[in-house]
Amino acid sequence: RLLLEKDMLEKSVVEGNDNWEAQCMACCHRLKRCVENKSFIEAPDLRKWFELFTLFHRAVFRRGASDCLWQFEQQLLLRSRQYEFAVYSRSAAPLPFLMGQFRFAESLLSACLEQNVALAWSRHEGGVLRTLELMGSIEEEGV
């Protein structure tokens, strides 16, 4: 997935226009409203979170990719989100993980809006690897 996303992200950042930027910002804003919602903090709605987080990802990575590669990456993304959902669902306290994902989304968006491809890629790659580590620790603890 990361191999496909690197090229997709670069094309998105380089070729992104005002509409792309606005869509990315709107998706990130929805994530922010979700995590700042008191009812969400008390009882996180993981399905809602993963729906919004996936929409954010699709907004950032959609531009510039070929239809075939984009569809293939989306299938890989869907499988990874299903796995993340299953792991986070077993956690007694998923909110800290979701807050970490939100901070990641904000930092990725910031780098994209600055049109800094190297920084955006570094943040995305680091975010994916941190997510994998967190999921591994949840699975190991059997939480």
N, C-alpha and C. Protein backbone atom coordinates (compact mmCIF):
# COMPACT_ATOMS: atom_id res chain seq x y z
N ARG A 1 0.83 -1.20 0.00
CA ARG A 1 0.00 0.00 0.00
C ARG A 1 0.87 1.25 0.00
N LEU A 2 1.90 1.25 0.81
CA LEU A 2 2.76 2.44 0.88
C LEU A 2 3.43 2.73 -0.45
N LEU A 3 3.82 1.69 -1.19
CA LEU A 3 4.46 1.92 -2.48
C LEU A 3 3.53 2.66 -3.45
N LEU A 4 2.27 2.30 -3.45
CA LEU A 4 1.30 2.99 -4.31
C LEU A 4 1.03 4.40 -3.81
N GLU A 5 0.92 4.54 -2.50
CA GLU A 5 0.54 5.84 -1.93
C GLU A 5 1.60 6.91 -2.08
N LYS A 6 2.86 6.52 -2.17
CA LYS A 6 3.91 7.53 -2.30
C LYS A 6 3.72 8.33 -3.59
N ASP A 7 3.52 7.65 -4.70
CA ASP A 7 3.31 8.33 -5.96
C ASP A 7 2.00 9.11 -5.96
N MET A 8 0.96 8.51 -5.37
CA MET A 8 -0.34 9.16 -5.31
C MET A 8 -0.27 10.46 -4.52
N LEU A 9 0.44 10.42 -3.38
CA LEU A 9 0.56 11.61 -2.54
C LEU A 9 1.32 12.71 -3.27
N GLU A 10 2.41 12.34 -3.91
CA GLU A 10 3.19 13.35 -4.64
C GLU A 10 2.35 14.02 -5.72
N LYS A 11 1.61 13.23 -6.47
CA LYS A 11 0.77 13.81 -7.53
C LYS A 11 -0.33 14.67 -6.92
N SER A 12 -0.89 14.23 -5.80
CA SER A 12 -1.94 15.01 -5.15
C SER A 12 -1.43 16.38 -4.72
N VAL A 13 -0.27 16.39 -4.09
CA VAL A 13 0.29 17.64 -3.58
C VAL A 13 0.71 18.56 -4.72
N VAL A 14 1.38 18.01 -5.72
CA VAL A 14 1.88 18.82 -6.83
C VAL A 14 0.74 19.33 -7.71
N GLU A 15 -0.26 18.48 -7.98
CA GLU A 15 -1.33 18.84 -8.90
C GLU A 15 -2.59 19.34 -8.20
N GLY A 16 -2.59 19.31 -6.87
CA GLY A 16 -3.79 19.71 -6.13
C GLY A 16 -4.19 21.14 -6.42
N ASN A 17 -5.50 21.34 -6.52
CA ASN A 17 -6.00 22.69 -6.77
C ASN A 17 -6.83 23.14 -5.55
N ASP A 18 -7.51 24.26 -5.69
CA ASP A 18 -8.29 24.80 -4.58
C ASP A 18 -9.40 23.84 -4.14
N ASN A 19 -10.02 23.17 -5.11
CA ASN A 19 -11.09 22.22 -4.76
C ASN A 19 -10.55 21.04 -3.96
N TRP A 20 -9.41 20.51 -4.38
CA TRP A 20 -8.77 19.41 -3.66
C TRP A 20 -8.42 19.85 -2.24
N GLU A 21 -7.83 21.03 -2.14
CA GLU A 21 -7.44 21.56 -0.84
C GLU A 21 -8.65 21.74 0.07
N ALA A 22 -9.72 22.30 -0.46
CA ALA A 22 -10.94 22.51 0.33
C ALA A 22 -11.54 21.19 0.79
N GLN A 23 -11.53 20.20 -0.08
CA GLN A 23 -12.08 18.89 0.28
C GLN A 23 -11.25 18.25 1.40
N CYS A 24 -9.94 18.34 1.30
CA CYS A 24 -9.06 17.79 2.34
C CYS A 24 -9.29 18.50 3.67
N MET A 25 -9.39 19.81 3.63
CA MET A 25 -9.61 20.58 4.85
C MET A 25 -10.96 20.25 5.48
N ALA A 26 -11.99 20.09 4.65
CA ALA A 26 -13.32 19.76 5.16
C ALA A 26 -13.31 18.39 5.83
N CYS A 27 -12.63 17.43 5.24
CA CYS A 27 -12.56 16.09 5.83
C CYS A 27 -11.82 16.12 7.17
N CYS A 28 -10.75 16.88 7.24
CA CYS A 28 -10.00 16.99 8.50
C CYS A 28 -10.85 17.69 9.56
N HIS A 29 -11.61 18.68 9.15
CA HIS A 29 -12.50 19.38 10.09
C HIS A 29 -13.56 18.43 10.65
N ARG A 30 -14.08 17.53 9.82
CA ARG A 30 -15.05 16.54 10.31
C ARG A 30 -14.42 15.63 11.35
N LEU A 31 -13.16 15.24 11.12
CA LEU A 31 -12.45 14.43 12.11
C LEU A 31 -12.32 15.18 13.43
N LYS A 32 -11.98 16.46 13.34
CA LYS A 32 -11.83 17.28 14.54
C LYS A 32 -13.14 17.38 15.31
N ARG A 33 -14.23 17.64 14.60
CA ARG A 33 -15.53 17.72 15.27
C ARG A 33 -15.89 16.39 15.92
N CYS A 34 -15.51 15.31 15.29
CA CYS A 34 -15.80 13.98 15.84
C CYS A 34 -15.09 13.78 17.17
N VAL A 35 -13.79 14.05 17.23
CA VAL A 35 -13.05 13.80 18.47
C VAL A 35 -13.31 14.84 19.55
N GLU A 36 -13.82 16.00 19.17
CA GLU A 36 -14.15 17.01 20.16
C GLU A 36 -15.57 16.87 20.70
N ASN A 37 -16.35 15.99 20.13
CA ASN A 37 -17.73 15.76 20.54
C ASN A 37 -17.74 15.02 21.88
N LYS A 38 -18.42 15.60 22.88
CA LYS A 38 -18.44 15.00 24.23
C LYS A 38 -18.98 13.58 24.22
N SER A 39 -20.02 13.33 23.45
CA SER A 39 -20.58 11.98 23.43
C SER A 39 -19.59 11.00 22.80
N PHE A 40 -18.78 11.48 21.85
CA PHE A 40 -17.78 10.61 21.25
C PHE A 40 -16.69 10.27 22.26
N ILE A 41 -16.28 11.25 23.04
CA ILE A 41 -15.23 11.03 24.04
C ILE A 41 -15.69 10.02 25.09
N GLU A 42 -16.95 10.09 25.47
CA GLU A 42 -17.46 9.17 26.49
C GLU A 42 -17.62 7.76 25.94
N ALA A 43 -18.05 7.63 24.72
CA ALA A 43 -18.25 6.31 24.11
C ALA A 43 -17.92 6.42 22.62
N PRO A 44 -16.65 6.26 22.25
CA PRO A 44 -16.26 6.45 20.86
C PRO A 44 -17.07 5.57 19.90
N ASP A 45 -17.55 6.21 18.85
CA ASP A 45 -18.26 5.51 17.78
C ASP A 45 -17.21 5.16 16.73
N LEU A 46 -16.64 3.97 16.87
CA LEU A 46 -15.53 3.58 16.00
C LEU A 46 -15.94 3.52 14.53
N ARG A 47 -17.15 3.07 14.27
CA ARG A 47 -17.59 3.00 12.87
C ARG A 47 -17.61 4.40 12.24
N LYS A 48 -18.13 5.37 12.97
CA LYS A 48 -18.16 6.74 12.47
C LYS A 48 -16.74 7.26 12.26
N TRP A 49 -15.86 7.00 13.22
CA TRP A 49 -14.48 7.45 13.11
C TRP A 49 -13.82 6.88 11.85
N PHE A 50 -13.94 5.57 11.66
CA PHE A 50 -13.27 4.95 10.52
C PHE A 50 -13.88 5.40 9.20
N GLU A 51 -15.15 5.70 9.18
CA GLU A 51 -15.78 6.24 7.98
C GLU A 51 -15.17 7.60 7.65
N LEU A 52 -15.07 8.47 8.66
CA LEU A 52 -14.51 9.82 8.44
C LEU A 52 -13.02 9.76 8.11
N PHE A 53 -12.30 8.88 8.79
CA PHE A 53 -10.86 8.78 8.56
C PHE A 53 -10.57 8.25 7.15
N THR A 54 -11.40 7.34 6.69
CA THR A 54 -11.25 6.82 5.33
C THR A 54 -11.58 7.90 4.31
N LEU A 55 -12.60 8.71 4.57
CA LEU A 55 -12.93 9.82 3.66
C LEU A 55 -11.78 10.83 3.59
N PHE A 56 -11.15 11.09 4.73
CA PHE A 56 -9.99 11.98 4.74
C PHE A 56 -8.89 11.41 3.85
N HIS A 57 -8.60 10.14 4.02
CA HIS A 57 -7.56 9.50 3.23
C HIS A 57 -7.89 9.57 1.73
N ARG A 58 -9.12 9.29 1.40
CA ARG A 58 -9.52 9.33 -0.02
C ARG A 58 -9.40 10.74 -0.59
N ALA A 59 -9.71 11.74 0.22
CA ALA A 59 -9.59 13.11 -0.26
C ALA A 59 -8.14 13.46 -0.55
N VAL A 60 -7.24 13.10 0.36
CA VAL A 60 -5.83 13.44 0.20
C VAL A 60 -5.20 12.68 -0.96
N PHE A 61 -5.52 11.41 -1.10
CA PHE A 61 -4.80 10.56 -2.05
C PHE A 61 -5.50 10.37 -3.40
N ARG A 62 -6.63 10.92 -3.61
CA ARG A 62 -7.37 10.63 -4.84
C ARG A 62 -6.78 11.29 -6.08
N ARG A 63 -6.37 12.50 -5.96
CA ARG A 63 -5.94 13.25 -7.15
C ARG A 63 -4.71 12.66 -7.82
N GLY A 64 -4.76 12.64 -9.13
CA GLY A 64 -3.57 12.32 -9.91
C GLY A 64 -3.29 10.85 -10.14
N ALA A 65 -3.93 9.98 -9.42
CA ALA A 65 -3.65 8.56 -9.60
C ALA A 65 -4.48 8.00 -10.75
N SER A 66 -3.95 6.98 -11.40
CA SER A 66 -4.75 6.32 -12.43
C SER A 66 -5.92 5.61 -11.76
N ASP A 67 -7.00 5.44 -12.49
CA ASP A 67 -8.18 4.77 -11.91
C ASP A 67 -7.85 3.37 -11.42
N CYS A 68 -7.08 2.64 -12.20
CA CYS A 68 -6.74 1.26 -11.83
C CYS A 68 -5.93 1.21 -10.53
N LEU A 69 -4.88 2.03 -10.46
CA LEU A 69 -4.06 2.05 -9.25
C LEU A 69 -4.84 2.56 -8.06
N TRP A 70 -5.68 3.58 -8.28
CA TRP A 70 -6.47 4.13 -7.18
C TRP A 70 -7.43 3.08 -6.65
N GLN A 71 -8.09 2.33 -7.53
CA GLN A 71 -9.03 1.30 -7.08
C GLN A 71 -8.31 0.18 -6.33
N PHE A 72 -7.12 -0.19 -6.80
CA PHE A 72 -6.35 -1.23 -6.11
C PHE A 72 -5.93 -0.74 -4.72
N GLU A 73 -5.46 0.49 -4.64
CA GLU A 73 -5.04 1.05 -3.35
C GLU A 73 -6.24 1.14 -2.41
N GLN A 74 -7.41 1.47 -2.94
CA GLN A 74 -8.60 1.57 -2.10
C GLN A 74 -8.99 0.22 -1.50
N GLN A 75 -8.79 -0.84 -2.25
CA GLN A 75 -9.05 -2.17 -1.71
C GLN A 75 -8.07 -2.51 -0.59
N LEU A 76 -6.82 -2.14 -0.78
CA LEU A 76 -5.82 -2.35 0.28
C LEU A 76 -6.16 -1.50 1.50
N LEU A 77 -6.58 -0.27 1.26
CA LEU A 77 -6.97 0.62 2.36
C LEU A 77 -8.16 0.05 3.12
N LEU A 78 -9.15 -0.44 2.39
CA LEU A 78 -10.34 -1.01 3.03
C LEU A 78 -9.95 -2.18 3.93
N ARG A 79 -9.08 -3.05 3.45
CA ARG A 79 -8.65 -4.20 4.26
C ARG A 79 -7.89 -3.73 5.51
N SER A 80 -7.04 -2.73 5.35
CA SER A 80 -6.30 -2.25 6.52
C SER A 80 -7.23 -1.58 7.52
N ARG A 81 -8.23 -0.83 7.04
CA ARG A 81 -9.19 -0.19 7.95
C ARG A 81 -10.02 -1.23 8.69
N GLN A 82 -10.40 -2.31 8.00
CA GLN A 82 -11.15 -3.38 8.65
C GLN A 82 -10.32 -4.01 9.77
N TYR A 83 -9.04 -4.20 9.51
CA TYR A 83 -8.14 -4.76 10.52
C TYR A 83 -7.99 -3.79 11.69
N GLU A 84 -7.77 -2.52 11.40
CA GLU A 84 -7.66 -1.52 12.47
C GLU A 84 -8.92 -1.48 13.31
N PHE A 85 -10.07 -1.50 12.67
CA PHE A 85 -11.34 -1.47 13.39
C PHE A 85 -11.46 -2.66 14.32
N ALA A 86 -11.11 -3.84 13.83
CA ALA A 86 -11.20 -5.05 14.64
C ALA A 86 -10.27 -4.96 15.85
N VAL A 87 -9.08 -4.45 15.65
CA VAL A 87 -8.12 -4.33 16.76
C VAL A 87 -8.58 -3.28 17.75
N TYR A 88 -8.93 -2.08 17.26
CA TYR A 88 -9.35 -1.01 18.17
C TYR A 88 -10.63 -1.37 18.92
N SER A 89 -11.48 -2.16 18.29
CA SER A 89 -12.72 -2.59 18.96
C SER A 89 -12.44 -3.42 20.19
N ARG A 90 -11.30 -4.08 20.21
CA ARG A 90 -10.94 -4.91 21.37
C ARG A 90 -10.28 -4.10 22.48
N SER A 91 -9.95 -2.85 22.19
CA SER A 91 -9.28 -2.01 23.19
C SER A 91 -10.30 -1.45 24.18
N ALA A 92 -9.92 -1.46 25.45
CA ALA A 92 -10.79 -0.90 26.49
C ALA A 92 -10.87 0.62 26.36
N ALA A 93 -9.84 1.24 25.82
CA ALA A 93 -9.79 2.70 25.70
C ALA A 93 -9.23 3.09 24.34
N PRO A 94 -10.06 3.08 23.30
CA PRO A 94 -9.55 3.40 21.96
C PRO A 94 -9.32 4.89 21.70
N LEU A 95 -9.88 5.76 22.53
CA LEU A 95 -9.79 7.20 22.25
C LEU A 95 -8.36 7.71 22.09
N PRO A 96 -7.40 7.31 22.94
CA PRO A 96 -6.03 7.81 22.72
C PRO A 96 -5.47 7.43 21.34
N PHE A 97 -5.82 6.26 20.85
CA PHE A 97 -5.35 5.87 19.53
C PHE A 97 -5.99 6.74 18.45
N LEU A 98 -7.27 7.01 18.62
CA LEU A 98 -7.98 7.83 17.64
C LEU A 98 -7.47 9.27 17.67
N MET A 99 -7.17 9.78 18.85
CA MET A 99 -6.60 11.13 18.96
C MET A 99 -5.25 11.19 18.25
N GLY A 100 -4.47 10.13 18.39
CA GLY A 100 -3.19 10.06 17.68
C GLY A 100 -3.39 10.08 16.17
N GLN A 101 -4.39 9.37 15.70
CA GLN A 101 -4.68 9.38 14.27
C GLN A 101 -5.14 10.77 13.81
N PHE A 102 -5.89 11.45 14.66
CA PHE A 102 -6.32 12.80 14.30
C PHE A 102 -5.12 13.74 14.20
N ARG A 103 -4.22 13.67 15.17
CA ARG A 103 -3.02 14.52 15.12
C ARG A 103 -2.19 14.21 13.86
N PHE A 104 -2.13 12.93 13.51
CA PHE A 104 -1.45 12.53 12.28
C PHE A 104 -2.11 13.17 11.07
N ALA A 105 -3.44 13.12 11.00
CA ALA A 105 -4.18 13.70 9.88
C ALA A 105 -3.91 15.20 9.77
N GLU A 106 -3.91 15.88 10.90
CA GLU A 106 -3.63 17.33 10.90
C GLU A 106 -2.23 17.63 10.37
N SER A 107 -1.25 16.85 10.83
CA SER A 107 0.13 17.10 10.40
C SER A 107 0.33 16.76 8.92
N LEU A 108 -0.32 15.70 8.46
CA LEU A 108 -0.24 15.35 7.04
C LEU A 108 -0.87 16.46 6.19
N LEU A 109 -2.03 16.92 6.60
CA LEU A 109 -2.71 17.97 5.85
C LEU A 109 -1.86 19.24 5.82
N SER A 110 -1.26 19.58 6.93
CA SER A 110 -0.43 20.78 6.98
C SER A 110 0.72 20.69 5.97
N ALA A 111 1.39 19.56 5.92
CA ALA A 111 2.49 19.39 4.97
C ALA A 111 1.99 19.44 3.52
N CYS A 112 0.81 18.85 3.29
CA CYS A 112 0.24 18.89 1.93
C CYS A 112 -0.08 20.31 1.51
N LEU A 113 -0.67 21.08 2.42
CA LEU A 113 -1.04 22.45 2.08
C LEU A 113 0.18 23.34 1.87
N GLU A 114 1.28 22.98 2.52
CA GLU A 114 2.55 23.70 2.30
C GLU A 114 3.22 23.25 1.01
N GLN A 115 2.64 22.26 0.35
CA GLN A 115 3.18 21.64 -0.86
C GLN A 115 4.57 21.09 -0.64
N ASN A 116 4.79 20.55 0.55
CA ASN A 116 6.06 19.94 0.90
C ASN A 116 5.91 18.42 0.78
N VAL A 117 6.21 17.90 -0.39
CA VAL A 117 5.99 16.48 -0.68
C VAL A 117 6.81 15.60 0.25
N ALA A 118 8.08 15.94 0.44
CA ALA A 118 8.95 15.10 1.28
C ALA A 118 8.42 15.04 2.72
N LEU A 119 8.02 16.16 3.26
CA LEU A 119 7.49 16.20 4.62
C LEU A 119 6.17 15.45 4.71
N ALA A 120 5.29 15.65 3.72
CA ALA A 120 4.00 14.95 3.71
C ALA A 120 4.22 13.45 3.67
N TRP A 121 5.15 13.00 2.83
CA TRP A 121 5.40 11.56 2.73
C TRP A 121 5.99 11.04 4.04
N SER A 122 6.91 11.76 4.62
CA SER A 122 7.51 11.35 5.88
C SER A 122 6.45 11.21 6.96
N ARG A 123 5.55 12.17 7.03
CA ARG A 123 4.48 12.11 8.04
C ARG A 123 3.52 10.96 7.77
N HIS A 124 3.19 10.73 6.49
CA HIS A 124 2.28 9.63 6.18
C HIS A 124 2.92 8.28 6.49
N GLU A 125 4.13 8.09 6.03
CA GLU A 125 4.82 6.82 6.27
C GLU A 125 4.99 6.58 7.77
N GLY A 126 5.39 7.61 8.50
CA GLY A 126 5.54 7.49 9.94
C GLY A 126 4.22 7.18 10.63
N GLY A 127 3.14 7.81 10.17
CA GLY A 127 1.82 7.56 10.76
C GLY A 127 1.35 6.13 10.54
N VAL A 128 1.58 5.61 9.35
CA VAL A 128 1.19 4.23 9.06
C VAL A 128 2.00 3.26 9.93
N LEU A 129 3.30 3.50 10.04
CA LEU A 129 4.14 2.62 10.84
C LEU A 129 3.79 2.69 12.33
N ARG A 130 3.48 3.89 12.84
CA ARG A 130 3.05 4.02 14.24
C ARG A 130 1.74 3.29 14.49
N THR A 131 0.83 3.39 13.54
CA THR A 131 -0.45 2.69 13.67
C THR A 131 -0.23 1.19 13.75
N LEU A 132 0.64 0.67 12.91
CA LEU A 132 0.94 -0.76 12.95
C LEU A 132 1.55 -1.17 14.29
N GLU A 133 2.44 -0.34 14.82
CA GLU A 133 3.04 -0.63 16.13
C GLU A 133 1.98 -0.63 17.23
N LEU A 134 1.10 0.37 17.21
CA LEU A 134 0.04 0.45 18.22
C LEU A 134 -0.89 -0.75 18.16
N MET A 135 -1.25 -1.14 16.96
CA MET A 135 -2.13 -2.29 16.82
C MET A 135 -1.44 -3.56 17.32
N GLY A 136 -0.15 -3.66 17.05
CA GLY A 136 0.60 -4.80 17.54
C GLY A 136 0.63 -4.84 19.06
N SER A 137 0.79 -3.67 19.69
CA SER A 137 0.82 -3.64 21.15
C SER A 137 -0.55 -3.97 21.75
N ILE A 138 -1.61 -3.55 21.08
CA ILE A 138 -2.96 -3.89 21.55
C ILE A 138 -3.17 -5.39 21.47
N GLU A 139 -2.74 -5.98 20.35
CA GLU A 139 -2.92 -7.42 20.18
C GLU A 139 -2.10 -8.20 21.20
N GLU A 140 -0.86 -7.75 21.45
CA GLU A 140 0.01 -8.43 22.42
C GLU A 140 -0.56 -8.40 23.82
N GLU A 141 -1.13 -7.25 24.19
CA GLU A 141 -1.69 -7.10 25.54
C GLU A 141 -3.02 -7.84 25.69
N GLY A 142 -3.62 -8.16 24.56
CA GLY A 142 -4.90 -8.84 24.60
C GLY A 142 -6.00 -7.97 25.19
N VAL A 143 -5.83 -6.65 25.01
CA VAL A 143 -6.80 -5.70 25.54
C VAL A 143 -8.10 -5.81 24.78
